[in-house]
Amino acid sequence: GFVFTFFVSSHLPPVPLLPGFLQKDGSLLIAIREIT
């Protein structure tokens, strides 16, 4: 029931998405969305 979305490339992902990734300070932002 978790969607794991991986960016597989050699360059940085889009800047607006950066806060959503696991951070080195040990924080992770998990989105919660209805299947609809």
Full PDB file with SEQRES, HELIX, SHEET, SSBOND, CRYST1, ORIGX, SCALE, CONECT and MASTER records, all heavy atoms in Angstrom:
SEQRES   1 A   36  GLY PHE VAL PHE THR PHE PHE VAL SER SER HIS LEU PRO          
SEQRES   2 A   36  PRO VAL PRO LEU LEU PRO GLY PHE LEU GLN LYS ASP GLY          
SEQRES   3 A   36  SER LEU LEU ILE ALA ILE ARG GLU ILE THR                      
HELIX    1 AA1 VAL A   15  GLY A   20  5                                   6    
CRYST1    1.000    1.000    1.000  90.00  90.00  90.00 P 1           1          
ORIGX1      1.000000  0.000000  0.000000        0.00000                         
ORIGX2      0.000000  1.000000  0.000000        0.00000                         
ORIGX3      0.000000  0.000000  1.000000        0.00000                         
SCALE1      1.000000  0.000000  0.000000        0.00000                         
SCALE2      0.000000  1.000000  0.000000        0.00000                         
SCALE3      0.000000  0.000000  1.000000        0.00000                         
ATOM      1  N   GLY A   1       0.782  -1.228   0.000  1.00  0.00           N  
ATOM      2  CA  GLY A   1       0.000   0.000   0.000  1.00  0.00           C  
ATOM      3  C   GLY A   1       0.809   1.271   0.000  1.00  0.00           C  
ATOM      4  O   GLY A   1       0.273   2.355   0.232  1.00  0.00           O  
ATOM      5  N   PHE A   2       2.122   1.161  -0.280  1.00  0.00           N  
ATOM      6  CA  PHE A   2       2.980   2.332  -0.415  1.00  0.00           C  
ATOM      7  C   PHE A   2       3.498   2.408  -1.857  1.00  0.00           C  
ATOM      8  O   PHE A   2       3.951   1.396  -2.406  1.00  0.00           O  
ATOM      9  CB  PHE A   2       4.187   2.264   0.525  1.00  0.00           C  
ATOM     10  CG  PHE A   2       3.843   2.394   1.980  1.00  0.00           C  
ATOM     11  CD1 PHE A   2       3.664   1.273   2.767  1.00  0.00           C  
ATOM     12  CD2 PHE A   2       3.702   3.652   2.562  1.00  0.00           C  
ATOM     13  CE1 PHE A   2       3.349   1.380   4.111  1.00  0.00           C  
ATOM     14  CE2 PHE A   2       3.384   3.776   3.913  1.00  0.00           C  
ATOM     15  CZ  PHE A   2       3.202   2.636   4.683  1.00  0.00           C  
ATOM     16  N   VAL A   3       3.403   3.570  -2.454  1.00  0.00           N  
ATOM     17  CA  VAL A   3       3.989   3.782  -3.773  1.00  0.00           C  
ATOM     18  C   VAL A   3       5.413   4.300  -3.572  1.00  0.00           C  
ATOM     19  O   VAL A   3       5.618   5.345  -2.936  1.00  0.00           O  
ATOM     20  CB  VAL A   3       3.189   4.803  -4.605  1.00  0.00           C  
ATOM     21  CG1 VAL A   3       3.828   4.968  -5.989  1.00  0.00           C  
ATOM     22  CG2 VAL A   3       1.735   4.362  -4.749  1.00  0.00           C  
ATOM     23  N   PHE A   4       6.383   3.551  -4.094  1.00  0.00           N  
ATOM     24  CA  PHE A   4       7.787   3.964  -4.047  1.00  0.00           C  
ATOM     25  C   PHE A   4       8.160   4.484  -5.435  1.00  0.00           C  
ATOM     26  O   PHE A   4       8.119   3.737  -6.414  1.00  0.00           O  
ATOM     27  CB  PHE A   4       8.683   2.790  -3.662  1.00  0.00           C  
ATOM     28  CG  PHE A   4       8.447   2.276  -2.261  1.00  0.00           C  
ATOM     29  CD1 PHE A   4       7.495   1.302  -2.021  1.00  0.00           C  
ATOM     30  CD2 PHE A   4       9.161   2.796  -1.195  1.00  0.00           C  
ATOM     31  CE1 PHE A   4       7.267   0.830  -0.733  1.00  0.00           C  
ATOM     32  CE2 PHE A   4       8.941   2.335   0.099  1.00  0.00           C  
ATOM     33  CZ  PHE A   4       7.992   1.351   0.329  1.00  0.00           C  
ATOM     34  N   THR A   5       8.491   5.758  -5.529  1.00  0.00           N  
ATOM     35  CA  THR A   5       8.806   6.402  -6.797  1.00  0.00           C  
ATOM     36  C   THR A   5      10.275   6.787  -6.814  1.00  0.00           C  
ATOM     37  O   THR A   5      10.693   7.716  -6.118  1.00  0.00           O  
ATOM     38  CB  THR A   5       7.926   7.651  -7.022  1.00  0.00           C  
ATOM     39  OG1 THR A   5       6.543   7.292  -6.905  1.00  0.00           O  
ATOM     40  CG2 THR A   5       8.172   8.244  -8.401  1.00  0.00           C  
ATOM     41  N   PHE A   6      11.072   6.064  -7.618  1.00  0.00           N  
ATOM     42  CA  PHE A   6      12.518   6.281  -7.671  1.00  0.00           C  
ATOM     43  C   PHE A   6      12.915   7.085  -8.908  1.00  0.00           C  
ATOM     44  O   PHE A   6      12.451   6.797 -10.015  1.00  0.00           O  
ATOM     45  CB  PHE A   6      13.257   4.942  -7.721  1.00  0.00           C  
ATOM     46  CG  PHE A   6      13.312   4.200  -6.415  1.00  0.00           C  
ATOM     47  CD1 PHE A   6      12.326   3.287  -6.076  1.00  0.00           C  
ATOM     48  CD2 PHE A   6      14.349   4.428  -5.518  1.00  0.00           C  
ATOM     49  CE1 PHE A   6      12.378   2.600  -4.874  1.00  0.00           C  
ATOM     50  CE2 PHE A   6      14.418   3.743  -4.316  1.00  0.00           C  
ATOM     51  CZ  PHE A   6      13.420   2.824  -3.990  1.00  0.00           C  
ATOM     52  N   PHE A   7      13.794   8.045  -8.705  1.00  0.00           N  
ATOM     53  CA  PHE A   7      14.373   8.800  -9.810  1.00  0.00           C  
ATOM     54  C   PHE A   7      15.716   8.158 -10.153  1.00  0.00           C  
ATOM     55  O   PHE A   7      16.649   8.194  -9.352  1.00  0.00           O  
ATOM     56  CB  PHE A   7      14.549  10.264  -9.417  1.00  0.00           C  
ATOM     57  CG  PHE A   7      13.255  11.019  -9.344  1.00  0.00           C  
ATOM     58  CD1 PHE A   7      12.371  10.812  -8.291  1.00  0.00           C  
ATOM     59  CD2 PHE A   7      12.894  11.918 -10.351  1.00  0.00           C  
ATOM     60  CE1 PHE A   7      11.161  11.485  -8.241  1.00  0.00           C  
ATOM     61  CE2 PHE A   7      11.691  12.593 -10.299  1.00  0.00           C  
ATOM     62  CZ  PHE A   7      10.823  12.382  -9.247  1.00  0.00           C  
ATOM     63  N   VAL A   8      15.766   7.559 -11.340  1.00  0.00           N  
ATOM     64  CA  VAL A   8      16.953   6.800 -11.745  1.00  0.00           C  
ATOM     65  C   VAL A   8      17.651   7.551 -12.870  1.00  0.00           C  
ATOM     66  O   VAL A   8      17.301   7.427 -14.045  1.00  0.00           O  
ATOM     67  CB  VAL A   8      16.572   5.373 -12.196  1.00  0.00           C  
ATOM     68  CG1 VAL A   8      17.823   4.579 -12.578  1.00  0.00           C  
ATOM     69  CG2 VAL A   8      15.812   4.652 -11.084  1.00  0.00           C  
ATOM     70  N   SER A   9      18.622   8.379 -12.503  1.00  0.00           N  
ATOM     71  CA  SER A   9      19.363   9.161 -13.489  1.00  0.00           C  
ATOM     72  C   SER A   9      20.655   9.635 -12.841  1.00  0.00           C  
ATOM     73  O   SER A   9      20.896   9.408 -11.662  1.00  0.00           O  
ATOM     74  CB  SER A   9      18.541  10.361 -13.970  1.00  0.00           C  
ATOM     75  OG  SER A   9      18.356  11.297 -12.931  1.00  0.00           O  
ATOM     76  N   SER A  10      21.473  10.297 -13.642  1.00  0.00           N  
ATOM     77  CA  SER A  10      22.771  10.766 -13.150  1.00  0.00           C  
ATOM     78  C   SER A  10      22.763  12.251 -12.820  1.00  0.00           C  
ATOM     79  O   SER A  10      23.807  12.826 -12.528  1.00  0.00           O  
ATOM     80  CB  SER A  10      23.860  10.468 -14.193  1.00  0.00           C  
ATOM     81  OG  SER A  10      23.951   9.083 -14.442  1.00  0.00           O  
ATOM     82  N   HIS A  11      21.601  12.901 -12.883  1.00  0.00           N  
ATOM     83  CA  HIS A  11      21.545  14.314 -12.553  1.00  0.00           C  
ATOM     84  C   HIS A  11      20.457  14.570 -11.513  1.00  0.00           C  
ATOM     85  O   HIS A  11      19.632  13.704 -11.227  1.00  0.00           O  
ATOM     86  CB  HIS A  11      21.328  15.182 -13.804  1.00  0.00           C  
ATOM     87  CG  HIS A  11      20.152  14.771 -14.633  1.00  0.00           C  
ATOM     88  ND1 HIS A  11      20.142  13.657 -15.438  1.00  0.00           N  
ATOM     89  CD2 HIS A  11      18.945  15.361 -14.795  1.00  0.00           C  
ATOM     90  CE1 HIS A  11      18.984  13.568 -16.071  1.00  0.00           C  
ATOM     91  NE2 HIS A  11      18.242  14.578 -15.681  1.00  0.00           N  
ATOM     92  N   LEU A  12      20.487  15.746 -10.936  1.00  0.00           N  
ATOM     93  CA  LEU A  12      19.605  16.061  -9.824  1.00  0.00           C  
ATOM     94  C   LEU A  12      18.136  16.028 -10.237  1.00  0.00           C  
ATOM     95  O   LEU A  12      17.773  16.466 -11.331  1.00  0.00           O  
ATOM     96  CB  LEU A  12      19.929  17.448  -9.262  1.00  0.00           C  
ATOM     97  CG  LEU A  12      21.247  17.591  -8.498  1.00  0.00           C  
ATOM     98  CD1 LEU A  12      21.431  19.050  -8.077  1.00  0.00           C  
ATOM     99  CD2 LEU A  12      21.268  16.684  -7.279  1.00  0.00           C  
ATOM    100  N   PRO A  13      17.278  15.538  -9.352  1.00  0.00           N  
ATOM    101  CA  PRO A  13      15.835  15.539  -9.631  1.00  0.00           C  
ATOM    102  C   PRO A  13      15.301  16.962  -9.562  1.00  0.00           C  
ATOM    103  O   PRO A  13      15.991  17.879  -9.101  1.00  0.00           O  
ATOM    104  CB  PRO A  13      15.274  14.667  -8.498  1.00  0.00           C  
ATOM    105  CG  PRO A  13      16.270  14.796  -7.405  1.00  0.00           C  
ATOM    106  CD  PRO A  13      17.602  14.923  -8.068  1.00  0.00           C  
ATOM    107  N   PRO A  14      14.066  17.197 -10.011  1.00  0.00           N  
ATOM    108  CA  PRO A  14      13.476  18.538  -9.970  1.00  0.00           C  
ATOM    109  C   PRO A  14      13.526  19.137  -8.558  1.00  0.00           C  
ATOM    110  O   PRO A  14      13.159  18.475  -7.573  1.00  0.00           O  
ATOM    111  CB  PRO A  14      12.030  18.298 -10.434  1.00  0.00           C  
ATOM    112  CG  PRO A  14      12.119  17.075 -11.295  1.00  0.00           C  
ATOM    113  CD  PRO A  14      13.163  16.214 -10.659  1.00  0.00           C  
ATOM    114  N   VAL A  15      13.969  20.365  -8.469  1.00  0.00           N  
ATOM    115  CA  VAL A  15      14.164  21.028  -7.174  1.00  0.00           C  
ATOM    116  C   VAL A  15      12.913  21.011  -6.283  1.00  0.00           C  
ATOM    117  O   VAL A  15      13.021  20.766  -5.071  1.00  0.00           O  
ATOM    118  CB  VAL A  15      14.653  22.481  -7.389  1.00  0.00           C  
ATOM    119  CG1 VAL A  15      14.691  23.233  -6.061  1.00  0.00           C  
ATOM    120  CG2 VAL A  15      16.037  22.475  -8.030  1.00  0.00           C  
ATOM    121  N   PRO A  16      11.699  21.265  -6.818  1.00  0.00           N  
ATOM    122  CA  PRO A  16      10.525  21.283  -5.934  1.00  0.00           C  
ATOM    123  C   PRO A  16      10.278  19.965  -5.199  1.00  0.00           C  
ATOM    124  O   PRO A  16       9.584  19.951  -4.176  1.00  0.00           O  
ATOM    125  CB  PRO A  16       9.374  21.601  -6.896  1.00  0.00           C  
ATOM    126  CG  PRO A  16      10.017  22.318  -8.035  1.00  0.00           C  
ATOM    127  CD  PRO A  16      11.344  21.650  -8.206  1.00  0.00           C  
ATOM    128  N   LEU A  17      10.834  18.866  -5.730  1.00  0.00           N  
ATOM    129  CA  LEU A  17      10.593  17.560  -5.115  1.00  0.00           C  
ATOM    130  C   LEU A  17      11.604  17.211  -4.026  1.00  0.00           C  
ATOM    131  O   LEU A  17      11.396  16.262  -3.268  1.00  0.00           O  
ATOM    132  CB  LEU A  17      10.628  16.458  -6.194  1.00  0.00           C  
ATOM    133  CG  LEU A  17       9.581  16.549  -7.295  1.00  0.00           C  
ATOM    134  CD1 LEU A  17       9.774  15.403  -8.285  1.00  0.00           C  
ATOM    135  CD2 LEU A  17       8.169  16.503  -6.719  1.00  0.00           C  
ATOM    136  N   LEU A  18      12.680  17.957  -3.939  1.00  0.00           N  
ATOM    137  CA  LEU A  18      13.776  17.599  -3.034  1.00  0.00           C  
ATOM    138  C   LEU A  18      13.335  17.423  -1.575  1.00  0.00           C  
ATOM    139  O   LEU A  18      13.822  16.511  -0.898  1.00  0.00           O  
ATOM    140  CB  LEU A  18      14.891  18.637  -3.130  1.00  0.00           C  
ATOM    141  CG  LEU A  18      15.546  18.803  -4.517  1.00  0.00           C  
ATOM    142  CD1 LEU A  18      16.722  19.770  -4.433  1.00  0.00           C  
ATOM    143  CD2 LEU A  18      16.006  17.464  -5.067  1.00  0.00           C  
ATOM    144  N   PRO A  19      12.426  18.257  -1.037  1.00  0.00           N  
ATOM    145  CA  PRO A  19      12.029  18.070   0.363  1.00  0.00           C  
ATOM    146  C   PRO A  19      11.318  16.742   0.626  1.00  0.00           C  
ATOM    147  O   PRO A  19      11.222  16.319   1.786  1.00  0.00           O  
ATOM    148  CB  PRO A  19      11.086  19.254   0.629  1.00  0.00           C  
ATOM    149  CG  PRO A  19      11.459  20.276  -0.398  1.00  0.00           C  
ATOM    150  CD  PRO A  19      11.823  19.475  -1.608  1.00  0.00           C  
ATOM    151  N   GLY A  20      10.815  16.092  -0.421  1.00  0.00           N  
ATOM    152  CA  GLY A  20      10.069  14.850  -0.236  1.00  0.00           C  
ATOM    153  C   GLY A  20      10.929  13.611  -0.088  1.00  0.00           C  
ATOM    154  O   GLY A  20      10.424  12.532   0.246  1.00  0.00           O  
ATOM    155  N   PHE A  21      12.234  13.733  -0.337  1.00  0.00           N  
ATOM    156  CA  PHE A  21      13.117  12.580  -0.247  1.00  0.00           C  
ATOM    157  C   PHE A  21      13.645  12.402   1.178  1.00  0.00           C  
ATOM    158  O   PHE A  21      13.654  13.346   1.972  1.00  0.00           O  
ATOM    159  CB  PHE A  21      14.294  12.739  -1.205  1.00  0.00           C  
ATOM    160  CG  PHE A  21      13.899  12.941  -2.635  1.00  0.00           C  
ATOM    161  CD1 PHE A  21      14.484  13.949  -3.399  1.00  0.00           C  
ATOM    162  CD2 PHE A  21      12.933  12.145  -3.228  1.00  0.00           C  
ATOM    163  CE1 PHE A  21      14.114  14.144  -4.719  1.00  0.00           C  
ATOM    164  CE2 PHE A  21      12.556  12.337  -4.543  1.00  0.00           C  
ATOM    165  CZ  PHE A  21      13.145  13.343  -5.293  1.00  0.00           C  
ATOM    166  N   LEU A  22      14.096  11.199   1.486  1.00  0.00           N  
ATOM    167  CA  LEU A  22      14.752  10.944   2.761  1.00  0.00           C  
ATOM    168  C   LEU A  22      15.974  11.847   2.888  1.00  0.00           C  
ATOM    169  O   LEU A  22      16.833  11.878   2.009  1.00  0.00           O  
ATOM    170  CB  LEU A  22      15.173   9.473   2.841  1.00  0.00           C  
ATOM    171  CG  LEU A  22      15.972   9.040   4.071  1.00  0.00           C  
ATOM    172  CD1 LEU A  22      15.155   9.218   5.343  1.00  0.00           C  
ATOM    173  CD2 LEU A  22      16.426   7.594   3.920  1.00  0.00           C  
ATOM    174  N   GLN A  23      16.043  12.580   3.993  1.00  0.00           N  
ATOM    175  CA  GLN A  23      17.119  13.543   4.205  1.00  0.00           C  
ATOM    176  C   GLN A  23      18.179  12.976   5.143  1.00  0.00           C  
ATOM    177  O   GLN A  23      17.912  12.108   5.977  1.00  0.00           O  
ATOM    178  CB  GLN A  23      16.557  14.836   4.800  1.00  0.00           C  
ATOM    179  CG  GLN A  23      15.434  15.465   3.985  1.00  0.00           C  
ATOM    180  CD  GLN A  23      15.899  15.989   2.633  1.00  0.00           C  
ATOM    181  OE1 GLN A  23      16.921  16.678   2.560  1.00  0.00           O  
ATOM    182  NE2 GLN A  23      15.141  15.685   1.581  1.00  0.00           N  
ATOM    183  N   LYS A  24      19.396  13.510   5.018  1.00  0.00           N  
ATOM    184  CA  LYS A  24      20.485  13.024   5.862  1.00  0.00           C  
ATOM    185  C   LYS A  24      20.283  13.328   7.337  1.00  0.00           C  
ATOM    186  O   LYS A  24      20.921  12.709   8.198  1.00  0.00           O  
ATOM    187  CB  LYS A  24      21.822  13.594   5.384  1.00  0.00           C  
ATOM    188  CG  LYS A  24      22.406  12.833   4.200  1.00  0.00           C  
ATOM    189  CD  LYS A  24      23.888  13.071   4.072  1.00  0.00           C  
ATOM    190  CE  LYS A  24      24.512  12.058   3.116  1.00  0.00           C  
ATOM    191  NZ  LYS A  24      25.983  12.212   3.025  1.00  0.00           N  
ATOM    192  N   ASP A  25      19.397  14.277   7.641  1.00  0.00           N  
ATOM    193  CA  ASP A  25      19.119  14.566   9.051  1.00  0.00           C  
ATOM    194  C   ASP A  25      18.142  13.563   9.657  1.00  0.00           C  
ATOM    195  O   ASP A  25      17.737  13.690  10.815  1.00  0.00           O  
ATOM    196  CB  ASP A  25      18.600  15.994   9.220  1.00  0.00           C  
ATOM    197  CG  ASP A  25      17.236  16.220   8.552  1.00  0.00           C  
ATOM    198  OD1 ASP A  25      16.668  15.257   7.990  1.00  0.00           O  
ATOM    199  OD2 ASP A  25      16.745  17.364   8.587  1.00  0.00           O  
ATOM    200  N   GLY A  26      17.756  12.558   8.848  1.00  0.00           N  
ATOM    201  CA  GLY A  26      16.866  11.520   9.360  1.00  0.00           C  
ATOM    202  C   GLY A  26      15.396  11.837   9.250  1.00  0.00           C  
ATOM    203  O   GLY A  26      14.571  11.272   9.975  1.00  0.00           O  
ATOM    204  N   SER A  27      15.013  12.711   8.342  1.00  0.00           N  
ATOM    205  CA  SER A  27      13.603  13.052   8.154  1.00  0.00           C  
ATOM    206  C   SER A  27      13.108  12.543   6.802  1.00  0.00           C  
ATOM    207  O   SER A  27      13.861  12.456   5.837  1.00  0.00           O  
ATOM    208  CB  SER A  27      13.385  14.567   8.249  1.00  0.00           C  
ATOM    209  OG  SER A  27      14.089  15.249   7.229  1.00  0.00           O  
ATOM    210  N   LEU A  28      11.840  12.180   6.771  1.00  0.00           N  
ATOM    211  CA  LEU A  28      11.207  11.687   5.545  1.00  0.00           C  
ATOM    212  C   LEU A  28       9.769  12.164   5.524  1.00  0.00           C  
ATOM    213  O   LEU A  28       9.018  11.977   6.487  1.00  0.00           O  
ATOM    214  CB  LEU A  28      11.247  10.157   5.493  1.00  0.00           C  
ATOM    215  CG  LEU A  28      10.468   9.498   4.354  1.00  0.00           C  
ATOM    216  CD1 LEU A  28      11.058   9.874   2.990  1.00  0.00           C  
ATOM    217  CD2 LEU A  28      10.433   7.980   4.519  1.00  0.00           C  
ATOM    218  N   LEU A  29       9.369  12.773   4.412  1.00  0.00           N  
ATOM    219  CA  LEU A  29       8.012  13.265   4.245  1.00  0.00           C  
ATOM    220  C   LEU A  29       7.224  12.259   3.404  1.00  0.00           C  
ATOM    221  O   LEU A  29       7.541  12.041   2.240  1.00  0.00           O  
ATOM    222  CB  LEU A  29       8.037  14.630   3.563  1.00  0.00           C  
ATOM    223  CG  LEU A  29       6.769  15.485   3.633  1.00  0.00           C  
ATOM    224  CD1 LEU A  29       6.421  15.827   5.083  1.00  0.00           C  
ATOM    225  CD2 LEU A  29       6.951  16.765   2.819  1.00  0.00           C  
ATOM    226  N   ILE A  30       6.224  11.629   4.003  1.00  0.00           N  
ATOM    227  CA  ILE A  30       5.401  10.644   3.304  1.00  0.00           C  
ATOM    228  C   ILE A  30       4.074  11.293   2.925  1.00  0.00           C  
ATOM    229  O   ILE A  30       3.348  11.802   3.794  1.00  0.00           O  
ATOM    230  CB  ILE A  30       5.151   9.405   4.188  1.00  0.00           C  
ATOM    231  CG1 ILE A  30       6.478   8.700   4.499  1.00  0.00           C  
ATOM    232  CG2 ILE A  30       4.183   8.440   3.507  1.00  0.00           C  
ATOM    233  CD1 ILE A  30       6.320   7.473   5.385  1.00  0.00           C  
ATOM    234  N   ALA A  31       3.766  11.285   1.643  1.00  0.00           N  
ATOM    235  CA  ALA A  31       2.477  11.808   1.183  1.00  0.00           C  
ATOM    236  C   ALA A  31       1.388  10.777   1.473  1.00  0.00           C  
ATOM    237  O   ALA A  31       1.627   9.574   1.435  1.00  0.00           O  
ATOM    238  CB  ALA A  31       2.535  12.110  -0.311  1.00  0.00           C  
ATOM    239  N   ILE A  32       0.192  11.249   1.765  1.00  0.00           N  
ATOM    240  CA  ILE A  32      -0.963  10.374   2.008  1.00  0.00           C  
ATOM    241  C   ILE A  32      -2.045  10.756   1.009  1.00  0.00           C  
ATOM    242  O   ILE A  32      -2.536  11.883   1.010  1.00  0.00           O  
ATOM    243  CB  ILE A  32      -1.485  10.537   3.450  1.00  0.00           C  
ATOM    244  CG1 ILE A  32      -0.373  10.261   4.463  1.00  0.00           C  
ATOM    245  CG2 ILE A  32      -2.684   9.621   3.695  1.00  0.00           C  
ATOM    246  CD1 ILE A  32      -0.753  10.609   5.883  1.00  0.00           C  
ATOM    247  N   ARG A  33      -2.401   9.798   0.142  1.00  0.00           N  
ATOM    248  CA  ARG A  33      -3.359  10.120  -0.923  1.00  0.00           C  
ATOM    249  C   ARG A  33      -4.397   9.023  -1.061  1.00  0.00           C  
ATOM    250  O   ARG A  33      -4.082   7.830  -0.978  1.00  0.00           O  
ATOM    251  CB  ARG A  33      -2.634  10.320  -2.253  1.00  0.00           C  
ATOM    252  CG  ARG A  33      -1.647  11.479  -2.266  1.00  0.00           C  
ATOM    253  CD  ARG A  33      -1.000  11.637  -3.607  1.00  0.00           C  
ATOM    254  NE  ARG A  33      -1.959  12.003  -4.644  1.00  0.00           N  
ATOM    255  CZ  ARG A  33      -1.667  12.067  -5.939  1.00  0.00           C  
ATOM    256  NH1 ARG A  33      -0.443  11.779  -6.360  1.00  0.00           N  
ATOM    257  NH2 ARG A  33      -2.584  12.412  -6.812  1.00  0.00           N  
ATOM    258  N   GLU A  34      -5.628   9.435  -1.312  1.00  0.00           N  
ATOM    259  CA  GLU A  34      -6.696   8.484  -1.613  1.00  0.00           C  
ATOM    260  C   GLU A  34      -6.426   7.846  -2.968  1.00  0.00           C  
ATOM    261  O   GLU A  34      -5.941   8.510  -3.896  1.00  0.00           O  
ATOM    262  CB  GLU A  34      -8.046   9.194  -1.633  1.00  0.00           C  
ATOM    263  CG  GLU A  34      -8.596   9.564  -0.271  1.00  0.00           C  
ATOM    264  CD  GLU A  34      -9.237   8.377   0.437  1.00  0.00           C  
ATOM    265  OE1 GLU A  34     -10.199   7.795  -0.101  1.00  0.00           O  
ATOM    266  OE2 GLU A  34      -8.774   8.037   1.539  1.00  0.00           O  
ATOM    267  N   ILE A  35      -6.769   6.574  -3.093  1.00  0.00           N  
ATOM    268  CA  ILE A  35      -6.506   5.863  -4.341  1.00  0.00           C  
ATOM    269  C   ILE A  35      -7.221   6.536  -5.513  1.00  0.00           C  
ATOM    270  O   ILE A  35      -6.726   6.513  -6.651  1.00  0.00           O  
ATOM    271  CB  ILE A  35      -6.913   4.374  -4.218  1.00  0.00           C  
ATOM    272  CG1 ILE A  35      -6.386   3.584  -5.423  1.00  0.00           C  
ATOM    273  CG2 ILE A  35      -8.410   4.210  -4.065  1.00  0.00           C  
ATOM    274  CD1 ILE A  35      -6.543   2.085  -5.286  1.00  0.00           C  
ATOM    275  N   THR A  36      -8.348   7.165  -5.258  1.00  0.00           N  
ATOM    276  CA  THR A  36      -9.097   7.849  -6.314  1.00  0.00           C  
ATOM    277  C   THR A  36      -8.361   9.080  -6.836  1.00  0.00           C  
ATOM    278  O   THR A  36      -8.691   9.608  -7.894  1.00  0.00           O  
ATOM    279  CB  THR A  36     -10.491   8.257  -5.813  1.00  0.00           C  
ATOM    280  OG1 THR A  36     -10.351   8.988  -4.589  1.00  0.00           O  
ATOM    281  CG2 THR A  36     -11.356   7.027  -5.564  1.00  0.00           C  
TER     282      THR A  36                                                      
MASTER        0    0    0    1    0    0    0    6  281    1    0    3          
END                                                                             
